[in-house]
Amino acid sequence: IEFKLANASTLEAAVDADTLTDGHHMTL
């Protein structure tokens, strides 16, 4: 499965670079 986390706002936004990869930020 491929995961895509997109900025859906109208402004720039910061997110942890490893959100989808490090195993701590994500639940499935």
mmCIF file of all heavy atoms, coordinates in Angstrom:
data_MODEL
# 
_entry.id   MODEL 
# 
loop_
_atom_site.group_PDB 
_atom_site.id 
_atom_site.type_symbol 
_atom_site.label_atom_id 
_atom_site.label_alt_id 
_atom_site.label_comp_id 
_atom_site.label_asym_id 
_atom_site.label_entity_id 
_atom_site.label_seq_id 
_atom_site.pdbx_PDB_ins_code 
_atom_site.Cartn_x 
_atom_site.Cartn_y 
_atom_site.Cartn_z 
_atom_site.occupancy 
_atom_site.B_iso_or_equiv 
_atom_site.pdbx_formal_charge 
_atom_site.auth_seq_id 
_atom_site.auth_comp_id 
_atom_site.auth_asym_id 
_atom_site.auth_atom_id 
_atom_site.pdbx_PDB_model_num 
ATOM 1   N N   . ILE A 1 1  ? 0.854  -1.185 0.000  1.00 0.00 ? 1  ILE A N   1 
ATOM 2   C CA  . ILE A 1 1  ? 0.000  0.000  0.000  1.00 0.00 ? 1  ILE A CA  1 
ATOM 3   C C   . ILE A 1 1  ? 0.894  1.242  0.000  1.00 0.00 ? 1  ILE A C   1 
ATOM 4   O O   . ILE A 1 1  ? 1.883  1.308  0.728  1.00 0.00 ? 1  ILE A O   1 
ATOM 5   C CB  . ILE A 1 1  ? -0.925 0.030  1.231  1.00 0.00 ? 1  ILE A CB  1 
ATOM 6   C CG1 . ILE A 1 1  ? -1.862 -1.170 1.207  1.00 0.00 ? 1  ILE A CG1 1 
ATOM 7   C CG2 . ILE A 1 1  ? -1.730 1.323  1.278  1.00 0.00 ? 1  ILE A CG2 1 
ATOM 8   C CD1 . ILE A 1 1  ? -2.804 -1.204 0.037  1.00 0.00 ? 1  ILE A CD1 1 
ATOM 9   N N   . GLU A 1 2  ? 0.543  2.222  -0.823 1.00 0.00 ? 2  GLU A N   1 
ATOM 10  C CA  . GLU A 1 2  ? 1.242  3.494  -0.827 1.00 0.00 ? 2  GLU A CA  1 
ATOM 11  C C   . GLU A 1 2  ? 0.440  4.523  -0.038 1.00 0.00 ? 2  GLU A C   1 
ATOM 12  O O   . GLU A 1 2  ? -0.793 4.532  -0.068 1.00 0.00 ? 2  GLU A O   1 
ATOM 13  C CB  . GLU A 1 2  ? 1.475  3.968  -2.265 1.00 0.00 ? 2  GLU A CB  1 
ATOM 14  C CG  . GLU A 1 2  ? 2.424  3.058  -3.025 1.00 0.00 ? 2  GLU A CG  1 
ATOM 15  C CD  . GLU A 1 2  ? 2.833  3.607  -4.375 1.00 0.00 ? 2  GLU A CD  1 
ATOM 16  O OE1 . GLU A 1 2  ? 2.381  4.728  -4.720 1.00 0.00 ? 2  GLU A OE1 1 
ATOM 17  O OE2 . GLU A 1 2  ? 3.603  2.928  -5.075 1.00 0.00 ? 2  GLU A OE2 1 
ATOM 18  N N   . PHE A 1 3  ? 1.172  5.367  0.678  1.00 0.00 ? 3  PHE A N   1 
ATOM 19  C CA  . PHE A 1 3  ? 0.576  6.369  1.559  1.00 0.00 ? 3  PHE A CA  1 
ATOM 20  C C   . PHE A 1 3  ? 0.953  7.754  1.035  1.00 0.00 ? 3  PHE A C   1 
ATOM 21  O O   . PHE A 1 3  ? 2.114  8.005  0.709  1.00 0.00 ? 3  PHE A O   1 
ATOM 22  C CB  . PHE A 1 3  ? 1.097  6.199  2.987  1.00 0.00 ? 3  PHE A CB  1 
ATOM 23  C CG  . PHE A 1 3  ? 0.757  4.868  3.599  1.00 0.00 ? 3  PHE A CG  1 
ATOM 24  C CD1 . PHE A 1 3  ? 1.447  3.718  3.244  1.00 0.00 ? 3  PHE A CD1 1 
ATOM 25  C CD2 . PHE A 1 3  ? -0.253 4.767  4.548  1.00 0.00 ? 3  PHE A CD2 1 
ATOM 26  C CE1 . PHE A 1 3  ? 1.142  2.498  3.802  1.00 0.00 ? 3  PHE A CE1 1 
ATOM 27  C CE2 . PHE A 1 3  ? -0.564 3.544  5.112  1.00 0.00 ? 3  PHE A CE2 1 
ATOM 28  C CZ  . PHE A 1 3  ? 0.134  2.408  4.734  1.00 0.00 ? 3  PHE A CZ  1 
ATOM 29  N N   . LYS A 1 4  ? -0.027 8.636  1.012  1.00 0.00 ? 4  LYS A N   1 
ATOM 30  C CA  . LYS A 1 4  ? 0.191  10.010 0.557  1.00 0.00 ? 4  LYS A CA  1 
ATOM 31  C C   . LYS A 1 4  ? -0.413 10.960 1.581  1.00 0.00 ? 4  LYS A C   1 
ATOM 32  O O   . LYS A 1 4  ? -1.611 10.921 1.839  1.00 0.00 ? 4  LYS A O   1 
ATOM 33  C CB  . LYS A 1 4  ? -0.463 10.232 -0.809 1.00 0.00 ? 4  LYS A CB  1 
ATOM 34  C CG  . LYS A 1 4  ? -0.372 11.671 -1.320 1.00 0.00 ? 4  LYS A CG  1 
ATOM 35  C CD  . LYS A 1 4  ? -1.123 11.823 -2.642 1.00 0.00 ? 4  LYS A CD  1 
ATOM 36  C CE  . LYS A 1 4  ? -1.099 13.260 -3.142 1.00 0.00 ? 4  LYS A CE  1 
ATOM 37  N NZ  . LYS A 1 4  ? -1.855 13.424 -4.410 1.00 0.00 ? 4  LYS A NZ  1 
ATOM 38  N N   . LEU A 1 5  ? 0.421  11.795 2.183  1.00 0.00 ? 5  LEU A N   1 
ATOM 39  C CA  . LEU A 1 5  ? -0.044 12.798 3.135  1.00 0.00 ? 5  LEU A CA  1 
ATOM 40  C C   . LEU A 1 5  ? 0.156  14.164 2.487  1.00 0.00 ? 5  LEU A C   1 
ATOM 41  O O   . LEU A 1 5  ? 1.286  14.599 2.255  1.00 0.00 ? 5  LEU A O   1 
ATOM 42  C CB  . LEU A 1 5  ? 0.736  12.716 4.447  1.00 0.00 ? 5  LEU A CB  1 
ATOM 43  C CG  . LEU A 1 5  ? 0.357  13.736 5.525  1.00 0.00 ? 5  LEU A CG  1 
ATOM 44  C CD1 . LEU A 1 5  ? -1.088 13.544 5.977  1.00 0.00 ? 5  LEU A CD1 1 
ATOM 45  C CD2 . LEU A 1 5  ? 1.303  13.648 6.711  1.00 0.00 ? 5  LEU A CD2 1 
ATOM 46  N N   . ALA A 1 6  ? -0.955 14.844 2.178  1.00 0.00 ? 6  ALA A N   1 
ATOM 47  C CA  . ALA A 1 6  ? -0.905 16.087 1.414  1.00 0.00 ? 6  ALA A CA  1 
ATOM 48  C C   . ALA A 1 6  ? -1.347 17.270 2.253  1.00 0.00 ? 6  ALA A C   1 
ATOM 49  O O   . ALA A 1 6  ? -2.220 17.155 3.129  1.00 0.00 ? 6  ALA A O   1 
ATOM 50  C CB  . ALA A 1 6  ? -1.796 15.974 0.171  1.00 0.00 ? 6  ALA A CB  1 
ATOM 51  N N   . ASN A 1 7  ? -0.742 18.412 1.989  1.00 0.00 ? 7  ASN A N   1 
ATOM 52  C CA  . ASN A 1 7  ? -1.150 19.674 2.596  1.00 0.00 ? 7  ASN A CA  1 
ATOM 53  C C   . ASN A 1 7  ? -2.418 20.140 1.890  1.00 0.00 ? 7  ASN A C   1 
ATOM 54  O O   . ASN A 1 7  ? -2.384 20.554 0.731  1.00 0.00 ? 7  ASN A O   1 
ATOM 55  C CB  . ASN A 1 7  ? -0.029 20.696 2.452  1.00 0.00 ? 7  ASN A CB  1 
ATOM 56  C CG  . ASN A 1 7  ? -0.410 22.054 3.031  1.00 0.00 ? 7  ASN A CG  1 
ATOM 57  O OD1 . ASN A 1 7  ? -1.495 22.234 3.592  1.00 0.00 ? 7  ASN A OD1 1 
ATOM 58  N ND2 . ASN A 1 7  ? 0.476  23.030 2.882  1.00 0.00 ? 7  ASN A ND2 1 
ATOM 59  N N   . ALA A 1 8  ? -3.539 20.076 2.587  1.00 0.00 ? 8  ALA A N   1 
ATOM 60  C CA  . ALA A 1 8  ? -4.830 20.436 1.994  1.00 0.00 ? 8  ALA A CA  1 
ATOM 61  C C   . ALA A 1 8  ? -5.249 21.854 2.345  1.00 0.00 ? 8  ALA A C   1 
ATOM 62  O O   . ALA A 1 8  ? -6.374 22.258 2.051  1.00 0.00 ? 8  ALA A O   1 
ATOM 63  C CB  . ALA A 1 8  ? -5.907 19.450 2.459  1.00 0.00 ? 8  ALA A CB  1 
ATOM 64  N N   . SER A 1 9  ? -4.363 22.629 2.963  1.00 0.00 ? 9  SER A N   1 
ATOM 65  C CA  . SER A 1 9  ? -4.690 23.999 3.335  1.00 0.00 ? 9  SER A CA  1 
ATOM 66  C C   . SER A 1 9  ? -4.296 24.951 2.215  1.00 0.00 ? 9  SER A C   1 
ATOM 67  O O   . SER A 1 9  ? -3.798 24.544 1.163  1.00 0.00 ? 9  SER A O   1 
ATOM 68  C CB  . SER A 1 9  ? -3.967 24.378 4.630  1.00 0.00 ? 9  SER A CB  1 
ATOM 69  O OG  . SER A 1 9  ? -2.575 24.536 4.391  1.00 0.00 ? 9  SER A OG  1 
ATOM 70  N N   . THR A 1 10 ? -4.503 26.215 2.457  1.00 0.00 ? 10 THR A N   1 
ATOM 71  C CA  . THR A 1 10 ? -4.127 27.239 1.472  1.00 0.00 ? 10 THR A CA  1 
ATOM 72  C C   . THR A 1 10 ? -2.799 27.906 1.817  1.00 0.00 ? 10 THR A C   1 
ATOM 73  O O   . THR A 1 10 ? -2.392 28.852 1.143  1.00 0.00 ? 10 THR A O   1 
ATOM 74  C CB  . THR A 1 10 ? -5.232 28.305 1.393  1.00 0.00 ? 10 THR A CB  1 
ATOM 75  O OG1 . THR A 1 10 ? -5.409 28.890 2.693  1.00 0.00 ? 10 THR A OG1 1 
ATOM 76  C CG2 . THR A 1 10 ? -6.541 27.692 0.915  1.00 0.00 ? 10 THR A CG2 1 
ATOM 77  N N   . LEU A 1 11 ? -2.127 27.405 2.861  1.00 0.00 ? 11 LEU A N   1 
ATOM 78  C CA  . LEU A 1 11 ? -0.863 27.989 3.308  1.00 0.00 ? 11 LEU A CA  1 
ATOM 79  C C   . LEU A 1 11 ? 0.212  26.915 3.367  1.00 0.00 ? 11 LEU A C   1 
ATOM 80  O O   . LEU A 1 11 ? -0.089 25.715 3.424  1.00 0.00 ? 11 LEU A O   1 
ATOM 81  C CB  . LEU A 1 11 ? -1.023 28.631 4.697  1.00 0.00 ? 11 LEU A CB  1 
ATOM 82  C CG  . LEU A 1 11 ? -2.082 29.726 4.838  1.00 0.00 ? 11 LEU A CG  1 
ATOM 83  C CD1 . LEU A 1 11 ? -2.231 30.105 6.303  1.00 0.00 ? 11 LEU A CD1 1 
ATOM 84  C CD2 . LEU A 1 11 ? -1.717 30.941 3.993  1.00 0.00 ? 11 LEU A CD2 1 
ATOM 85  N N   . GLU A 1 12 ? 1.459  27.338 3.378  1.00 0.00 ? 12 GLU A N   1 
ATOM 86  C CA  . GLU A 1 12 ? 2.539  26.393 3.608  1.00 0.00 ? 12 GLU A CA  1 
ATOM 87  C C   . GLU A 1 12 ? 2.405  25.794 5.011  1.00 0.00 ? 12 GLU A C   1 
ATOM 88  O O   . GLU A 1 12 ? 1.976  26.468 5.943  1.00 0.00 ? 12 GLU A O   1 
ATOM 89  C CB  . GLU A 1 12 ? 3.901  27.076 3.461  1.00 0.00 ? 12 GLU A CB  1 
ATOM 90  C CG  . GLU A 1 12 ? 4.275  27.436 2.036  1.00 0.00 ? 12 GLU A CG  1 
ATOM 91  C CD  . GLU A 1 12 ? 5.708  27.926 1.946  1.00 0.00 ? 12 GLU A CD  1 
ATOM 92  O OE1 . GLU A 1 12 ? 6.313  28.173 3.016  1.00 0.00 ? 12 GLU A OE1 1 
ATOM 93  O OE2 . GLU A 1 12 ? 6.229  28.047 0.831  1.00 0.00 ? 12 GLU A OE2 1 
ATOM 94  N N   . ALA A 1 13 ? 2.800  24.538 5.142  1.00 0.00 ? 13 ALA A N   1 
ATOM 95  C CA  . ALA A 1 13 ? 2.689  23.873 6.440  1.00 0.00 ? 13 ALA A CA  1 
ATOM 96  C C   . ALA A 1 13 ? 3.842  22.896 6.602  1.00 0.00 ? 13 ALA A C   1 
ATOM 97  O O   . ALA A 1 13 ? 4.312  22.293 5.626  1.00 0.00 ? 13 ALA A O   1 
ATOM 98  C CB  . ALA A 1 13 ? 1.355  23.144 6.556  1.00 0.00 ? 13 ALA A CB  1 
ATOM 99  N N   . ALA A 1 14 ? 4.310  22.743 7.829  1.00 0.00 ? 14 ALA A N   1 
ATOM 100 C CA  . ALA A 1 14 ? 5.422  21.842 8.133  1.00 0.00 ? 14 ALA A CA  1 
ATOM 101 C C   . ALA A 1 14 ? 4.893  20.547 8.730  1.00 0.00 ? 14 ALA A C   1 
ATOM 102 O O   . ALA A 1 14 ? 3.890  20.533 9.452  1.00 0.00 ? 14 ALA A O   1 
ATOM 103 C CB  . ALA A 1 14 ? 6.400  22.507 9.093  1.00 0.00 ? 14 ALA A CB  1 
ATOM 104 N N   . VAL A 1 15 ? 5.578  19.464 8.437  1.00 0.00 ? 15 VAL A N   1 
ATOM 105 C CA  . VAL A 1 15 ? 5.222  18.155 8.969  1.00 0.00 ? 15 VAL A CA  1 
ATOM 106 C C   . VAL A 1 15 ? 6.518  17.378 9.180  1.00 0.00 ? 15 VAL A C   1 
ATOM 107 O O   . VAL A 1 15 ? 7.516  17.610 8.493  1.00 0.00 ? 15 VAL A O   1 
ATOM 108 C CB  . VAL A 1 15 ? 4.278  17.402 7.997  1.00 0.00 ? 15 VAL A CB  1 
ATOM 109 C CG1 . VAL A 1 15 ? 4.985  17.111 6.678  1.00 0.00 ? 15 VAL A CG1 1 
ATOM 110 C CG2 . VAL A 1 15 ? 3.751  16.119 8.618  1.00 0.00 ? 15 VAL A CG2 1 
ATOM 111 N N   . ASP A 1 16 ? 6.529  16.471 10.162 1.00 0.00 ? 16 ASP A N   1 
ATOM 112 C CA  . ASP A 1 16 ? 7.705  15.628 10.373 1.00 0.00 ? 16 ASP A CA  1 
ATOM 113 C C   . ASP A 1 16 ? 7.988  14.827 9.111  1.00 0.00 ? 16 ASP A C   1 
ATOM 114 O O   . ASP A 1 16 ? 7.094  14.161 8.569  1.00 0.00 ? 16 ASP A O   1 
ATOM 115 C CB  . ASP A 1 16 ? 7.475  14.670 11.540 1.00 0.00 ? 16 ASP A CB  1 
ATOM 116 C CG  . ASP A 1 16 ? 7.554  15.368 12.887 1.00 0.00 ? 16 ASP A CG  1 
ATOM 117 O OD1 . ASP A 1 16 ? 7.934  16.548 12.908 1.00 0.00 ? 16 ASP A OD1 1 
ATOM 118 O OD2 . ASP A 1 16 ? 7.236  14.729 13.903 1.00 0.00 ? 16 ASP A OD2 1 
ATOM 119 N N   . ALA A 1 17 ? 9.237  14.853 8.651  1.00 0.00 ? 17 ALA A N   1 
ATOM 120 C CA  . ALA A 1 17 ? 9.589  14.183 7.401  1.00 0.00 ? 17 ALA A CA  1 
ATOM 121 C C   . ALA A 1 17 ? 9.373  12.677 7.470  1.00 0.00 ? 17 ALA A C   1 
ATOM 122 O O   . ALA A 1 17 ? 9.138  12.030 6.448  1.00 0.00 ? 17 ALA A O   1 
ATOM 123 C CB  . ALA A 1 17 ? 11.047 14.487 7.046  1.00 0.00 ? 17 ALA A CB  1 
ATOM 124 N N   . ASP A 1 18 ? 9.460  12.104 8.683  1.00 0.00 ? 18 ASP A N   1 
ATOM 125 C CA  . ASP A 1 18 ? 9.331  10.656 8.822  1.00 0.00 ? 18 ASP A CA  1 
ATOM 126 C C   . ASP A 1 18 ? 7.939  10.223 9.262  1.00 0.00 ? 18 ASP A C   1 
ATOM 127 O O   . ASP A 1 18 ? 7.756  9.107  9.744  1.00 0.00 ? 18 ASP A O   1 
ATOM 128 C CB  . ASP A 1 18 ? 10.366 10.133 9.814  1.00 0.00 ? 18 ASP A CB  1 
ATOM 129 C CG  . ASP A 1 18 ? 10.218 10.774 11.194 1.00 0.00 ? 18 ASP A CG  1 
ATOM 130 O OD1 . ASP A 1 18 ? 9.293  11.589 11.379 1.00 0.00 ? 18 ASP A OD1 1 
ATOM 131 O OD2 . ASP A 1 18 ? 11.031 10.466 12.084 1.00 0.00 ? 18 ASP A OD2 1 
ATOM 132 N N   . THR A 1 19 ? 6.937  11.070 9.087  1.00 0.00 ? 19 THR A N   1 
ATOM 133 C CA  . THR A 1 19 ? 5.583  10.762 9.551  1.00 0.00 ? 19 THR A CA  1 
ATOM 134 C C   . THR A 1 19 ? 5.083  9.426  9.015  1.00 0.00 ? 19 THR A C   1 
ATOM 135 O O   . THR A 1 19 ? 4.423  8.663  9.740  1.00 0.00 ? 19 THR A O   1 
ATOM 136 C CB  . THR A 1 19 ? 4.608  11.883 9.137  1.00 0.00 ? 19 THR A CB  1 
ATOM 137 O OG1 . THR A 1 19 ? 4.994  13.100 9.802  1.00 0.00 ? 19 THR A OG1 1 
ATOM 138 C CG2 . THR A 1 19 ? 3.179  11.547 9.511  1.00 0.00 ? 19 THR A CG2 1 
ATOM 139 N N   . LEU A 1 20 ? 5.384  9.119  7.768  1.00 0.00 ? 20 LEU A N   1 
ATOM 140 C CA  . LEU A 1 20 ? 4.857  7.909  7.139  1.00 0.00 ? 20 LEU A CA  1 
ATOM 141 C C   . LEU A 1 20 ? 5.834  6.740  7.170  1.00 0.00 ? 20 LEU A C   1 
ATOM 142 O O   . LEU A 1 20 ? 5.497  5.656  6.687  1.00 0.00 ? 20 LEU A O   1 
ATOM 143 C CB  . LEU A 1 20 ? 4.481  8.201  5.684  1.00 0.00 ? 20 LEU A CB  1 
ATOM 144 C CG  . LEU A 1 20 ? 3.433  9.288  5.453  1.00 0.00 ? 20 LEU A CG  1 
ATOM 145 C CD1 . LEU A 1 20 ? 3.189  9.474  3.956  1.00 0.00 ? 20 LEU A CD1 1 
ATOM 146 C CD2 . LEU A 1 20 ? 2.124  8.967  6.157  1.00 0.00 ? 20 LEU A CD2 1 
ATOM 147 N N   . THR A 1 21 ? 7.026  6.944  7.743  1.00 0.00 ? 21 THR A N   1 
ATOM 148 C CA  . THR A 1 21 ? 8.056  5.910  7.609  1.00 0.00 ? 21 THR A CA  1 
ATOM 149 C C   . THR A 1 21 ? 8.631  5.373  8.901  1.00 0.00 ? 21 THR A C   1 
ATOM 150 O O   . THR A 1 21 ? 9.121  4.241  8.925  1.00 0.00 ? 21 THR A O   1 
ATOM 151 C CB  . THR A 1 21 ? 9.231  6.442  6.759  1.00 0.00 ? 21 THR A CB  1 
ATOM 152 O OG1 . THR A 1 21 ? 9.776  7.615  7.378  1.00 0.00 ? 21 THR A OG1 1 
ATOM 153 C CG2 . THR A 1 21 ? 8.773  6.772  5.348  1.00 0.00 ? 21 THR A CG2 1 
ATOM 154 N N   . ASP A 1 22 ? 8.627  6.130  10.005 1.00 0.00 ? 22 ASP A N   1 
ATOM 155 C CA  . ASP A 1 22 ? 9.404  5.704  11.173 1.00 0.00 ? 22 ASP A CA  1 
ATOM 156 C C   . ASP A 1 22 ? 8.690  4.705  12.060 1.00 0.00 ? 22 ASP A C   1 
ATOM 157 O O   . ASP A 1 22 ? 9.269  4.152  12.975 1.00 0.00 ? 22 ASP A O   1 
ATOM 158 C CB  . ASP A 1 22 ? 9.865  6.910  11.994 1.00 0.00 ? 22 ASP A CB  1 
ATOM 159 C CG  . ASP A 1 22 ? 8.720  7.596  12.734 1.00 0.00 ? 22 ASP A CG  1 
ATOM 160 O OD1 . ASP A 1 22 ? 7.548  7.260  12.482 1.00 0.00 ? 22 ASP A OD1 1 
ATOM 161 O OD2 . ASP A 1 22 ? 9.004  8.482  13.566 1.00 0.00 ? 22 ASP A OD2 1 
ATOM 162 N N   . GLY A 1 23 ? 7.379  4.466  11.809 1.00 0.00 ? 23 GLY A N   1 
ATOM 163 C CA  . GLY A 1 23 ? 6.644  3.489  12.595 1.00 0.00 ? 23 GLY A CA  1 
ATOM 164 C C   . GLY A 1 23 ? 5.998  4.041  13.839 1.00 0.00 ? 23 GLY A C   1 
ATOM 165 O O   . GLY A 1 23 ? 5.225  3.341  14.489 1.00 0.00 ? 23 GLY A O   1 
ATOM 166 N N   . HIS A 1 24 ? 6.280  5.286  14.203 1.00 0.00 ? 24 HIS A N   1 
ATOM 167 C CA  . HIS A 1 24 ? 5.710  5.865  15.418 1.00 0.00 ? 24 HIS A CA  1 
ATOM 168 C C   . HIS A 1 24 ? 4.490  6.736  15.135 1.00 0.00 ? 24 HIS A C   1 
ATOM 169 O O   . HIS A 1 24 ? 3.588  6.830  15.966 1.00 0.00 ? 24 HIS A O   1 
ATOM 170 C CB  . HIS A 1 24 ? 6.759  6.710  16.147 1.00 0.00 ? 24 HIS A CB  1 
ATOM 171 C CG  . HIS A 1 24 ? 7.906  5.925  16.666 1.00 0.00 ? 24 HIS A CG  1 
ATOM 172 N ND1 . HIS A 1 24 ? 7.775  4.958  17.635 1.00 0.00 ? 24 HIS A ND1 1 
ATOM 173 C CD2 . HIS A 1 24 ? 9.225  5.958  16.353 1.00 0.00 ? 24 HIS A CD2 1 
ATOM 174 C CE1 . HIS A 1 24 ? 8.957  4.438  17.897 1.00 0.00 ? 24 HIS A CE1 1 
ATOM 175 N NE2 . HIS A 1 24 ? 9.855  5.020  17.134 1.00 0.00 ? 24 HIS A NE2 1 
ATOM 176 N N   . HIS A 1 25 ? 4.461  7.401  13.984 1.00 0.00 ? 25 HIS A N   1 
ATOM 177 C CA  . HIS A 1 25 ? 3.413  8.376  13.711 1.00 0.00 ? 25 HIS A CA  1 
ATOM 178 C C   . HIS A 1 25 ? 2.156  7.763  13.101 1.00 0.00 ? 25 HIS A C   1 
ATOM 179 O O   . HIS A 1 25 ? 1.116  8.405  13.067 1.00 0.00 ? 25 HIS A O   1 
ATOM 180 C CB  . HIS A 1 25 ? 3.924  9.447  12.736 1.00 0.00 ? 25 HIS A CB  1 
ATOM 181 C CG  . HIS A 1 25 ? 5.006  10.317 13.295 1.00 0.00 ? 25 HIS A CG  1 
ATOM 182 N ND1 . HIS A 1 25 ? 6.307  9.882  13.450 1.00 0.00 ? 25 HIS A ND1 1 
ATOM 183 C CD2 . HIS A 1 25 ? 4.988  11.601 13.737 1.00 0.00 ? 25 HIS A CD2 1 
ATOM 184 C CE1 . HIS A 1 25 ? 7.037  10.855 13.959 1.00 0.00 ? 25 HIS A CE1 1 
ATOM 185 N NE2 . HIS A 1 25 ? 6.279  11.902 14.141 1.00 0.00 ? 25 HIS A NE2 1 
ATOM 186 N N   . MET A 1 26 ? 2.243  6.561  12.607 1.00 0.00 ? 26 MET A N   1 
ATOM 187 C CA  . MET A 1 26 ? 1.172  6.021  11.782 1.00 0.00 ? 26 MET A CA  1 
ATOM 188 C C   . MET A 1 26 ? 0.567  4.763  12.390 1.00 0.00 ? 26 MET A C   1 
ATOM 189 O O   . MET A 1 26 ? 1.263  3.945  12.989 1.00 0.00 ? 26 MET A O   1 
ATOM 190 C CB  . MET A 1 26 ? 1.701  5.714  10.383 1.00 0.00 ? 26 MET A CB  1 
ATOM 191 C CG  . MET A 1 26 ? 0.623  5.422  9.360  1.00 0.00 ? 26 MET A CG  1 
ATOM 192 S SD  . MET A 1 26 ? 1.368  5.204  7.730  1.00 0.00 ? 26 MET A SD  1 
ATOM 193 C CE  . MET A 1 26 ? 2.357  3.736  8.018  1.00 0.00 ? 26 MET A CE  1 
ATOM 194 N N   . THR A 1 27 ? -0.750 4.621  12.212 1.00 0.00 ? 27 THR A N   1 
ATOM 195 C CA  . THR A 1 27 ? -1.480 3.443  12.660 1.00 0.00 ? 27 THR A CA  1 
ATOM 196 C C   . THR A 1 27 ? -2.299 2.932  11.486 1.00 0.00 ? 27 THR A C   1 
ATOM 197 O O   . THR A 1 27 ? -2.876 3.717  10.736 1.00 0.00 ? 27 THR A O   1 
ATOM 198 C CB  . THR A 1 27 ? -2.417 3.784  13.824 1.00 0.00 ? 27 THR A CB  1 
ATOM 199 O OG1 . THR A 1 27 ? -1.691 4.542  14.796 1.00 0.00 ? 27 THR A OG1 1 
ATOM 200 C CG2 . THR A 1 27 ? -2.952 2.534  14.473 1.00 0.00 ? 27 THR A CG2 1 
ATOM 201 N N   . LEU A 1 28 ? -2.377 1.613  11.320 1.00 0.00 ? 28 LEU A N   1 
ATOM 202 C CA  . LEU A 1 28 ? -3.104 1.024  10.200 1.00 0.00 ? 28 LEU A CA  1 
ATOM 203 C C   . LEU A 1 28 ? -3.964 -0.119 10.708 1.00 0.00 ? 28 LEU A C   1 
ATOM 204 O O   . LEU A 1 28 ? -3.520 -0.936 11.516 1.00 0.00 ? 28 LEU A O   1 
ATOM 205 C CB  . LEU A 1 28 ? -2.114 0.502  9.147  1.00 0.00 ? 28 LEU A CB  1 
ATOM 206 C CG  . LEU A 1 28 ? -2.729 -0.017 7.853  1.00 0.00 ? 28 LEU A CG  1 
ATOM 207 C CD1 . LEU A 1 28 ? -3.142 1.154  6.966  1.00 0.00 ? 28 LEU A CD1 1 
ATOM 208 C CD2 . LEU A 1 28 ? -1.745 -0.906 7.108  1.00 0.00 ? 28 LEU A CD2 1 
# 
